[in-house]
C-alpha atoms as a PDB file:
ATOM      1  CA  UNK A   1     194.702 176.560 122.830  1.00  0.00           C
ATOM      2  CA  UNK A   2     197.044 178.540 120.558  1.00  0.00           C
ATOM      3  CA  UNK A   3     200.692 177.752 121.150  1.00  0.00           C
ATOM      4  CA  UNK A   4     202.998 180.709 121.602  1.00  0.00           C
ATOM      5  CA  UNK A   5     206.399 181.105 119.962  1.00  0.00           C
ATOM      6  CA  UNK A   6     209.198 180.203 122.329  1.00  0.00           C
ATOM      7  CA  UNK A   7     211.732 182.870 123.258  1.00  0.00           C
ATOM      8  CA  UNK A   8     215.087 183.190 121.547  1.00  0.00           C
ATOM      9  CA  UNK A   9     218.157 182.894 123.723  1.00  0.00           C
ATOM     10  CA  UNK A  10     220.546 185.373 122.110  1.00  0.00           C
ATOM     11  CA  UNK A  11     223.139 187.960 123.005  1.00  0.00           C
ATOM     12  CA  UNK A  12     226.181 189.546 121.405  1.00  0.00           C
ATOM     13  CA  UNK A  13     229.463 187.687 121.212  1.00  0.00           C
ATOM     14  CA  UNK A  14     228.187 184.104 121.172  1.00  0.00           C
ATOM     15  CA  UNK A  15     230.342 181.294 119.829  1.00  0.00           C
ATOM     16  CA  UNK A  16     227.410 179.567 118.119  1.00  0.00           C
ATOM     17  CA  UNK A  17     223.770 180.314 117.454  1.00  0.00           C
ATOM     18  CA  UNK A  18     221.865 177.103 116.745  1.00  0.00           C
ATOM     19  CA  UNK A  19     219.059 177.741 114.254  1.00  0.00           C
ATOM     20  CA  UNK A  20     216.145 175.366 113.830  1.00  0.00           C
ATOM     21  CA  UNK A  21     213.201 175.342 111.418  1.00  0.00           C
ATOM     22  CA  UNK A  22     210.584 176.150 114.044  1.00  0.00           C
ATOM     23  CA  UNK A  23     209.498 174.864 117.452  1.00  0.00           C
ATOM     24  CA  UNK A  24     207.719 171.556 117.788  1.00  0.00           C
ATOM     25  CA  UNK A  25     204.293 171.388 119.367  1.00  0.00           C
ATOM     26  CA  UNK A  26     205.956 170.068 122.536  1.00  0.00           C
ATOM     27  CA  UNK A  27     208.314 173.045 122.587  1.00  0.00           C
ATOM     28  CA  UNK A  28     205.316 175.325 122.122  1.00  0.00           C
ATOM     29  CA  UNK A  29     203.624 173.672 125.093  1.00  0.00           C
ATOM     30  CA  UNK A  30     206.659 173.855 127.394  1.00  0.00           C
ATOM     31  CA  UNK A  31     208.226 177.111 126.176  1.00  0.00           C
ATOM     32  CA  UNK A  32     211.624 175.445 125.650  1.00  0.00           C
ATOM     33  CA  UNK A  33     213.727 174.623 122.604  1.00  0.00           C
ATOM     34  CA  UNK A  34     214.097 171.008 121.444  1.00  0.00           C
ATOM     35  CA  UNK A  35     211.602 169.754 124.043  1.00  0.00           C
ATOM     36  CA  UNK A  36     210.208 166.836 122.035  1.00  0.00           C
ATOM     37  CA  UNK A  37     211.509 163.690 123.776  1.00  0.00           C
ATOM     38  CA  UNK A  38     212.355 162.203 120.351  1.00  0.00           C
ATOM     39  CA  UNK A  39     214.611 165.144 119.476  1.00  0.00           C
ATOM     40  CA  UNK A  40     218.286 164.325 120.003  1.00  0.00           C
ATOM     41  CA  UNK A  41     219.632 167.904 120.067  1.00  0.00           C
ATOM     42  CA  UNK A  42     220.709 167.928 123.724  1.00  0.00           C
ATOM     43  CA  UNK A  43     222.394 164.535 123.463  1.00  0.00           C
ATOM     44  CA  UNK A  44     224.109 165.438 120.189  1.00  0.00           C
ATOM     45  CA  UNK A  45     225.702 168.672 121.399  1.00  0.00           C
ATOM     46  CA  UNK A  46     226.856 166.955 124.597  1.00  0.00           C
ATOM     47  CA  UNK A  47     228.329 163.907 122.835  1.00  0.00           C
ATOM     48  CA  UNK A  48     230.004 166.187 120.282  1.00  0.00           C
ATOM     49  CA  UNK A  49     231.978 167.768 123.132  1.00  0.00           C
ATOM     50  CA  UNK A  50     230.330 171.171 122.816  1.00  0.00           C
ATOM     51  CA  UNK A  51     228.795 171.123 126.316  1.00  0.00           C
ATOM     52  CA  UNK A  52     230.383 170.148 129.624  1.00  0.00           C
ATOM     53  CA  UNK A  53     227.279 168.122 130.563  1.00  0.00           C
ATOM     54  CA  UNK A  54     223.962 166.923 129.196  1.00  0.00           C
ATOM     55  CA  UNK A  55     221.448 169.779 129.377  1.00  0.00           C
ATOM     56  CA  UNK A  56     217.667 169.370 129.497  1.00  0.00           C
ATOM     57  CA  UNK A  57     215.207 171.437 127.415  1.00  0.00           C
ATOM     58  CA  UNK A  58     214.095 173.411 130.475  1.00  0.00           C
ATOM     59  CA  UNK A  59     217.724 174.538 130.867  1.00  0.00           C
ATOM     60  CA  UNK A  60     217.900 175.979 127.338  1.00  0.00           C
ATOM     61  CA  UNK A  61     218.579 179.555 128.548  1.00  0.00           C
ATOM     62  CA  UNK A  62     221.663 178.291 130.421  1.00  0.00           C
ATOM     63  CA  UNK A  63     223.416 177.667 127.098  1.00  0.00           C
ATOM     64  CA  UNK A  64     224.078 181.415 126.980  1.00  0.00           C
ATOM     65  CA  UNK A  65     226.503 180.920 129.881  1.00  0.00           C
ATOM     66  CA  UNK A  66     228.708 178.692 127.711  1.00  0.00           C
ATOM     67  CA  UNK A  67     228.456 180.898 124.631  1.00  0.00           C
ATOM     68  CA  UNK A  68     225.603 179.277 122.712  1.00  0.00           C
ATOM     69  CA  UNK A  69     222.319 180.779 121.550  1.00  0.00           C
ATOM     70  CA  UNK A  70     219.081 179.340 120.202  1.00  0.00           C
ATOM     71  CA  UNK A  71     216.600 180.614 117.629  1.00  0.00           C
ATOM     72  CA  UNK A  72     214.469 179.398 114.722  1.00  0.00           C
ATOM     73  CA  UNK A  73     213.873 180.636 111.197  1.00  0.00           C
ATOM     74  CA  UNK A  74     210.117 180.598 111.994  1.00  0.00           C
ATOM     75  CA  UNK A  75     208.807 181.192 115.513  1.00  0.00           C
ATOM     76  CA  UNK A  76     205.400 179.490 115.205  1.00  0.00           C
ATOM     77  CA  UNK A  77     205.215 175.957 116.650  1.00  0.00           C
ATOM     78  CA  UNK A  78     203.898 173.315 114.236  1.00  0.00           C
ATOM     79  CA  UNK A  79     203.631 169.539 114.011  1.00  0.00           C
ATOM     80  CA  UNK A  80     205.978 169.551 111.003  1.00  0.00           C
ATOM     81  CA  UNK A  81     207.979 172.035 108.961  1.00  0.00           C
ATOM     82  CA  UNK A  82     205.772 171.521 105.901  1.00  0.00           C
ATOM     83  CA  UNK A  83     203.070 173.550 107.693  1.00  0.00           C
ATOM     84  CA  UNK A  84     205.210 176.688 107.426  1.00  0.00           C
ATOM     85  CA  UNK A  85     204.010 179.140 104.770  1.00  0.00           C
ATOM     86  CA  UNK A  86     206.137 180.926 102.183  1.00  0.00           C
ATOM     87  CA  UNK A  87     205.283 184.214 103.855  1.00  0.00           C
ATOM     88  CA  UNK A  88     206.494 182.884 107.219  1.00  0.00           C
ATOM     89  CA  UNK A  89     209.769 181.777 105.621  1.00  0.00           C
ATOM     90  CA  UNK A  90     210.223 185.152 103.921  1.00  0.00           C
ATOM     91  CA  UNK A  91     209.579 187.024 107.158  1.00  0.00           C
ATOM     92  CA  UNK A  92     211.732 184.556 109.117  1.00  0.00           C
ATOM     93  CA  UNK A  93     214.671 184.925 106.707  1.00  0.00           C
ATOM     94  CA  UNK A  94     214.609 188.686 107.147  1.00  0.00           C
ATOM     95  CA  UNK A  95     214.430 188.446 110.939  1.00  0.00           C
ATOM     96  CA  UNK A  96     217.173 185.827 111.081  1.00  0.00           C
ATOM     97  CA  UNK A  97     219.505 187.926 108.948  1.00  0.00           C
ATOM     98  CA  UNK A  98     218.866 190.883 111.298  1.00  0.00           C
ATOM     99  CA  UNK A  99     219.636 188.696 114.329  1.00  0.00           C
ATOM    100  CA  UNK A 100     222.901 187.447 112.830  1.00  0.00           C
ATOM    101  CA  UNK A 101     223.987 190.982 111.915  1.00  0.00           C
ATOM    102  CA  UNK A 102     223.027 192.303 115.356  1.00  0.00           C
ATOM    103  CA  UNK A 103     224.501 189.531 117.532  1.00  0.00           C
ATOM    104  CA  UNK A 104     227.496 188.534 115.351  1.00  0.00           C
ATOM    105  CA  UNK A 105     228.084 184.964 116.544  1.00  0.00           C
ATOM    106  CA  UNK A 106     231.249 183.251 115.325  1.00  0.00           C
ATOM    107  CA  UNK A 107     229.101 180.468 113.838  1.00  0.00           C
ATOM    108  CA  UNK A 108     225.489 180.229 112.692  1.00  0.00           C
ATOM    109  CA  UNK A 109     224.756 176.506 112.970  1.00  0.00           C
ATOM    110  CA  UNK A 110     221.736 175.526 110.893  1.00  0.00           C
ATOM    111  CA  UNK A 111     220.160 172.440 112.454  1.00  0.00           C
ATOM    112  CA  UNK A 112     219.173 170.765 109.189  1.00  0.00           C
ATOM    113  CA  UNK A 113     219.956 171.308 105.512  1.00  0.00           C
ATOM    114  CA  UNK A 114     216.411 172.474 104.883  1.00  0.00           C
ATOM    115  CA  UNK A 115     216.813 175.288 107.388  1.00  0.00           C
ATOM    116  CA  UNK A 116     219.903 176.568 105.592  1.00  0.00           C
ATOM    117  CA  UNK A 117     218.303 176.151 102.171  1.00  0.00           C
ATOM    118  CA  UNK A 118     215.259 178.150 103.330  1.00  0.00           C
ATOM    119  CA  UNK A 119     217.570 180.893 104.640  1.00  0.00           C
ATOM    120  CA  UNK A 120     220.200 181.052 101.906  1.00  0.00           C
ATOM    121  CA  UNK A 121     218.197 180.008  98.803  1.00  0.00           C
ATOM    122  CA  UNK A 122     221.056 177.584  98.050  1.00  0.00           C
ATOM    123  CA  UNK A 123     220.551 173.918  97.282  1.00  0.00           C
ATOM    124  CA  UNK A 124     222.718 170.856  96.840  1.00  0.00           C
ATOM    125  CA  UNK A 125     224.840 171.784  99.842  1.00  0.00           C
ATOM    126  CA  UNK A 126     226.941 169.484 101.997  1.00  0.00           C
ATOM    127  CA  UNK A 127     227.507 169.309 105.732  1.00  0.00           C
ATOM    128  CA  UNK A 128     229.839 171.720 107.474  1.00  0.00           C
ATOM    129  CA  UNK A 129     230.989 175.268 106.789  1.00  0.00           C
ATOM    130  CA  UNK A 130     229.512 176.963 103.709  1.00  0.00           C
ATOM    131  CA  UNK A 131     231.241 179.487 101.478  1.00  0.00           C
ATOM    132  CA  UNK A 132     230.468 182.260 101.078  1.00  0.00           C
ATOM    133  CA  UNK A 133     228.483 182.922 104.220  1.00  0.00           C
ATOM    134  CA  UNK A 134     225.227 184.843 103.997  1.00  0.00           C
ATOM    135  CA  UNK A 135     226.295 187.363 106.672  1.00  0.00           C
ATOM    136  CA  UNK A 136     229.955 188.361 106.232  1.00  0.00           C
ATOM    137  CA  UNK A 137     232.043 187.533 109.287  1.00  0.00           C
ATOM    138  CA  UNK A 138     229.656 184.803 110.526  1.00  0.00           C
ATOM    139  CA  UNK A 139     230.509 181.233 109.510  1.00  0.00           C
ATOM    140  CA  UNK A 140     227.483 179.359 108.135  1.00  0.00           C
ATOM    141  CA  UNK A 141     227.628 175.735 109.321  1.00  0.00           C
ATOM    142  CA  UNK A 142     225.110 173.137 108.179  1.00  0.00           C
ATOM    143  CA  UNK A 143     224.505 170.197 110.506  1.00  0.00           C
ATOM    144  CA  UNK A 144     221.950 167.402 110.368  1.00  0.00           C
ATOM    145  CA  UNK A 145     218.604 167.925 111.996  1.00  0.00           C
ATOM    146  CA  UNK A 146     218.438 166.424 115.464  1.00  0.00           C
ATOM    147  CA  UNK A 147     214.841 165.317 114.936  1.00  0.00           C
ATOM    148  CA  UNK A 148     214.077 161.715 115.762  1.00  0.00           C
ATOM    149  CA  UNK A 149     212.656 161.446 112.231  1.00  0.00           C
ATOM    150  CA  UNK A 150     216.141 161.772 110.707  1.00  0.00           C
ATOM    151  CA  UNK A 151     217.406 158.382 109.550  1.00  0.00           C
ATOM    152  CA  UNK A 152     221.118 159.074 110.129  1.00  0.00           C
ATOM    153  CA  UNK A 153     222.798 157.168 112.931  1.00  0.00           C
ATOM    154  CA  UNK A 154     223.385 159.205 116.064  1.00  0.00           C
ATOM    155  CA  UNK A 155     227.153 158.632 115.791  1.00  0.00           C
ATOM    156  CA  UNK A 156     227.206 160.136 112.276  1.00  0.00           C
ATOM    157  CA  UNK A 157     225.279 163.199 113.428  1.00  0.00           C
ATOM    158  CA  UNK A 158     227.574 163.672 116.439  1.00  0.00           C
ATOM    159  CA  UNK A 159     230.664 163.436 114.217  1.00  0.00           C
ATOM    160  CA  UNK A 160     229.429 166.317 112.047  1.00  0.00           C
ATOM    161  CA  UNK A 161     228.645 168.445 115.113  1.00  0.00           C
ATOM    162  CA  UNK A 162     232.189 167.761 116.437  1.00  0.00           C
ATOM    163  CA  UNK A 163     233.474 169.864 113.542  1.00  0.00           C
ATOM    164  CA  UNK A 164     232.032 172.918 115.313  1.00  0.00           C
ATOM    165  CA  UNK A 165     234.746 172.590 117.965  1.00  0.00           C
ATOM    166  CA  UNK A 166     237.347 173.519 115.329  1.00  0.00           C
ATOM    167  CA  UNK A 167     235.445 176.707 114.456  1.00  0.00           C
ATOM    168  CA  UNK A 168     235.033 178.014 117.982  1.00  0.00           C
END
């Protein structure tokens, strides 16, 4: 069974658009962002004080109500990001730039350094806001991946995501 890309949750005037590499196989199966039970995204954004409560993957569209959107640089679900082709990244970069120009969020939060590097062609970057931003008027913010494979302690990841509160 071929997994389908999961829908973006985007609209104009958002505070933050969270941008991942691409959906996991579990997300592809369920049709919801960050659905892998080992992914800490929902816990991280709650503990960072960005959300009033802990959301579940099947509530991903409800983030729009609090000013947050969700998308990926590549729409195709895979087991790991290393399965993404150069052509998919090229196409995804173009589409992502169009989305950021169209929807104009205050912050584009890249969920993982690799996501931002694939988008911006920059390397050796740190966490937090990046200067200059790729799309003028939209703050580029690099945060750790919320994948369970990331070796950072949850508290360290949450602390970096807390910085988003200052930008919104």
